[in-house]
Amino acid sequence: MVFNLLPVPPLDGFNVVTEIFNIKYTELYYKIYEKGFFILMALIVFRVVSTIIKYTVYPLYSLILGIFL
């Protein structure tokens, strides 16, 4: 879930950001969208995604485990 909410096209987080900031039909939107796959691959290769997941998913998991155990 956290991965899919990253604000990088083609993920759903990008659609959320474009709706919030109303940039759907701007030139910036199209420039980012056409390079989205390469941006996402760079984030994965340079382990930015794993760092984001580590600092968001693990604390949430610990919190949920602490509530129910």
N, C-alpha and C. Protein backbone atom coordinates (compact mmCIF):
# COMPACT_ATOMS: atom_id res chain seq x y z
N MET A 1 0.82 -1.18 0.00
CA MET A 1 0.00 0.00 0.00
C MET A 1 0.88 1.26 0.00
N VAL A 2 1.91 1.27 0.81
CA VAL A 2 2.78 2.44 0.89
C VAL A 2 3.49 2.65 -0.45
N PHE A 3 3.93 1.58 -1.07
CA PHE A 3 4.61 1.69 -2.37
C PHE A 3 3.69 2.31 -3.41
N ASN A 4 2.45 1.90 -3.44
CA ASN A 4 1.52 2.39 -4.45
C ASN A 4 1.14 3.85 -4.22
N LEU A 5 1.33 4.37 -3.02
CA LEU A 5 1.00 5.76 -2.73
C LEU A 5 2.15 6.72 -2.96
N LEU A 6 3.27 6.22 -3.47
CA LEU A 6 4.37 7.12 -3.82
C LEU A 6 3.94 8.03 -4.96
N PRO A 7 4.26 9.32 -4.89
CA PRO A 7 3.81 10.25 -5.93
C PRO A 7 4.67 10.23 -7.19
N VAL A 8 4.77 9.06 -7.79
CA VAL A 8 5.55 8.87 -9.01
C VAL A 8 4.64 8.17 -10.03
N PRO A 9 4.55 8.72 -11.24
CA PRO A 9 3.74 8.01 -12.24
C PRO A 9 4.40 6.69 -12.59
N PRO A 10 3.78 5.66 -12.79
CA PRO A 10 2.36 5.37 -13.00
C PRO A 10 1.63 4.93 -11.73
N LEU A 11 2.16 5.19 -10.55
CA LEU A 11 1.52 4.76 -9.31
C LEU A 11 0.36 5.67 -8.94
N ASP A 12 -0.51 5.17 -8.06
CA ASP A 12 -1.72 5.91 -7.70
C ASP A 12 -1.44 7.18 -6.91
N GLY A 13 -0.33 7.22 -6.21
CA GLY A 13 0.01 8.41 -5.45
C GLY A 13 0.18 9.63 -6.34
N PHE A 14 0.63 9.43 -7.55
CA PHE A 14 0.78 10.53 -8.49
C PHE A 14 -0.58 11.10 -8.88
N ASN A 15 -1.55 10.22 -9.05
CA ASN A 15 -2.91 10.68 -9.37
C ASN A 15 -3.50 11.48 -8.22
N VAL A 16 -3.22 11.06 -7.00
CA VAL A 16 -3.72 11.79 -5.83
C VAL A 16 -3.10 13.19 -5.78
N VAL A 17 -1.79 13.27 -6.01
CA VAL A 17 -1.11 14.56 -5.97
C VAL A 17 -1.60 15.47 -7.09
N THR A 18 -1.82 14.92 -8.27
CA THR A 18 -2.30 15.77 -9.37
C THR A 18 -3.70 16.30 -9.10
N GLU A 19 -4.54 15.54 -8.44
CA GLU A 19 -5.88 16.01 -8.12
C GLU A 19 -5.85 17.05 -7.00
N ILE A 20 -4.98 16.86 -6.02
CA ILE A 20 -4.90 17.81 -4.91
C ILE A 20 -4.39 19.16 -5.40
N PHE A 21 -3.33 19.15 -6.21
CA PHE A 21 -2.72 20.39 -6.68
C PHE A 21 -3.24 20.87 -8.04
N ASN A 22 -4.19 20.12 -8.60
CA ASN A 22 -4.84 20.49 -9.85
C ASN A 22 -3.84 20.77 -10.99
N ILE A 23 -2.97 19.81 -11.23
CA ILE A 23 -1.98 19.96 -12.31
C ILE A 23 -2.22 18.96 -13.43
N LYS A 24 -3.42 18.45 -13.52
CA LYS A 24 -3.73 17.40 -14.48
C LYS A 24 -3.43 17.78 -15.93
N TYR A 25 -3.75 18.98 -16.35
CA TYR A 25 -3.58 19.35 -17.76
C TYR A 25 -2.50 20.39 -17.98
N THR A 26 -1.47 20.34 -17.16
CA THR A 26 -0.36 21.28 -17.32
C THR A 26 0.80 20.61 -18.06
N GLU A 27 1.71 21.41 -18.50
CA GLU A 27 2.89 20.88 -19.20
C GLU A 27 3.77 20.07 -18.27
N LEU A 28 3.85 20.49 -17.01
CA LEU A 28 4.65 19.76 -16.02
C LEU A 28 4.13 18.35 -15.83
N TYR A 29 2.83 18.19 -15.80
CA TYR A 29 2.21 16.87 -15.64
C TYR A 29 2.67 15.91 -16.74
N TYR A 30 2.62 16.37 -17.98
CA TYR A 30 2.98 15.51 -19.10
C TYR A 30 4.48 15.19 -19.13
N LYS A 31 5.30 16.16 -18.72
CA LYS A 31 6.74 15.92 -18.68
C LYS A 31 7.08 14.86 -17.64
N ILE A 32 6.47 14.96 -16.47
CA ILE A 32 6.74 13.99 -15.42
C ILE A 32 6.15 12.63 -15.79
N TYR A 33 4.95 12.64 -16.36
CA TYR A 33 4.27 11.38 -16.68
C TYR A 33 5.03 10.56 -17.73
N GLU A 34 5.60 11.23 -18.72
CA GLU A 34 6.31 10.47 -19.76
C GLU A 34 7.65 9.91 -19.27
N LYS A 35 8.20 10.47 -18.21
CA LYS A 35 9.45 9.97 -17.64
C LYS A 35 9.23 9.19 -16.35
N GLY A 36 7.98 8.91 -16.02
CA GLY A 36 7.63 8.27 -14.76
C GLY A 36 8.26 6.91 -14.55
N PHE A 37 8.30 6.10 -15.59
CA PHE A 37 8.88 4.77 -15.47
C PHE A 37 10.36 4.86 -15.10
N PHE A 38 11.08 5.76 -15.72
CA PHE A 38 12.52 5.89 -15.44
C PHE A 38 12.75 6.47 -14.04
N ILE A 39 11.89 7.39 -13.62
CA ILE A 39 11.99 7.92 -12.27
C ILE A 39 11.77 6.81 -11.25
N LEU A 40 10.75 6.00 -11.47
CA LEU A 40 10.45 4.90 -10.56
C LEU A 40 11.58 3.88 -10.52
N MET A 41 12.14 3.54 -11.67
CA MET A 41 13.25 2.60 -11.69
C MET A 41 14.48 3.16 -10.97
N ALA A 42 14.74 4.45 -11.13
CA ALA A 42 15.88 5.07 -10.44
C ALA A 42 15.66 5.04 -8.93
N LEU A 43 14.45 5.31 -8.49
CA LEU A 43 14.16 5.26 -7.06
C LEU A 43 14.33 3.85 -6.50
N ILE A 44 13.99 2.86 -7.28
CA ILE A 44 14.16 1.47 -6.84
C ILE A 44 15.63 1.09 -6.83
N VAL A 45 16.36 1.43 -7.87
CA VAL A 45 17.77 1.07 -7.97
C VAL A 45 18.60 1.73 -6.87
N PHE A 46 18.31 3.00 -6.58
CA PHE A 46 19.07 3.72 -5.56
C PHE A 46 18.50 3.54 -4.16
N ARG A 47 17.62 2.57 -4.00
CA ARG A 47 17.06 2.15 -2.72
C ARG A 47 16.31 3.24 -1.96
N VAL A 48 15.78 4.19 -2.67
CA VAL A 48 14.96 5.21 -2.03
C VAL A 48 13.63 4.60 -1.60
N VAL A 49 13.09 3.73 -2.43
CA VAL A 49 11.81 3.10 -2.13
C VAL A 49 11.93 2.22 -0.89
N SER A 50 13.01 1.45 -0.79
CA SER A 50 13.17 0.59 0.38
C SER A 50 13.34 1.40 1.65
N THR A 51 13.99 2.54 1.56
CA THR A 51 14.14 3.41 2.73
C THR A 51 12.79 3.98 3.15
N ILE A 52 11.98 4.40 2.20
CA ILE A 52 10.66 4.92 2.52
C ILE A 52 9.81 3.84 3.16
N ILE A 53 9.85 2.66 2.61
CA ILE A 53 9.07 1.56 3.15
C ILE A 53 9.56 1.18 4.54
N LYS A 54 10.87 1.19 4.73
CA LYS A 54 11.43 0.82 6.03
C LYS A 54 10.96 1.77 7.13
N TYR A 55 10.92 3.06 6.83
CA TYR A 55 10.56 4.03 7.85
C TYR A 55 9.06 4.28 7.97
N THR A 56 8.25 3.68 7.11
CA THR A 56 6.81 3.82 7.23
C THR A 56 6.12 2.52 7.59
N VAL A 57 6.48 1.43 6.94
CA VAL A 57 5.79 0.17 7.15
C VAL A 57 6.17 -0.47 8.48
N TYR A 58 7.44 -0.50 8.81
CA TYR A 58 7.87 -1.15 10.04
C TYR A 58 7.29 -0.51 11.30
N PRO A 59 7.27 0.82 11.42
CA PRO A 59 6.61 1.41 12.60
C PRO A 59 5.10 1.12 12.66
N LEU A 60 4.45 1.16 11.50
CA LEU A 60 3.01 0.83 11.48
C LEU A 60 2.78 -0.63 11.88
N TYR A 61 3.62 -1.50 11.40
CA TYR A 61 3.51 -2.92 11.75
C TYR A 61 3.73 -3.11 13.25
N SER A 62 4.71 -2.46 13.82
CA SER A 62 4.98 -2.56 15.25
C SER A 62 3.82 -2.01 16.07
N LEU A 63 3.25 -0.90 15.61
CA LEU A 63 2.12 -0.32 16.31
C LEU A 63 0.92 -1.26 16.30
N ILE A 64 0.61 -1.82 15.16
CA ILE A 64 -0.52 -2.74 15.06
C ILE A 64 -0.27 -4.01 15.88
N LEU A 65 0.96 -4.50 15.85
CA LEU A 65 1.29 -5.68 16.64
C LEU A 65 1.18 -5.36 18.12
N GLY A 66 1.60 -4.18 18.54
CA GLY A 66 1.51 -3.80 19.95
C GLY A 66 0.09 -3.65 20.42
N ILE A 67 -0.80 -3.24 19.55
CA ILE A 67 -2.20 -3.09 19.94
C ILE A 67 -2.87 -4.44 20.15
N PHE A 68 -2.57 -5.39 19.28
CA PHE A 68 -3.29 -6.67 19.33
C PHE A 68 -2.56 -7.76 20.10
N LEU A 69 -1.38 -7.52 20.57
CA LEU A 69 -0.69 -8.56 21.36
C LEU A 69 -0.58 -8.18 22.80
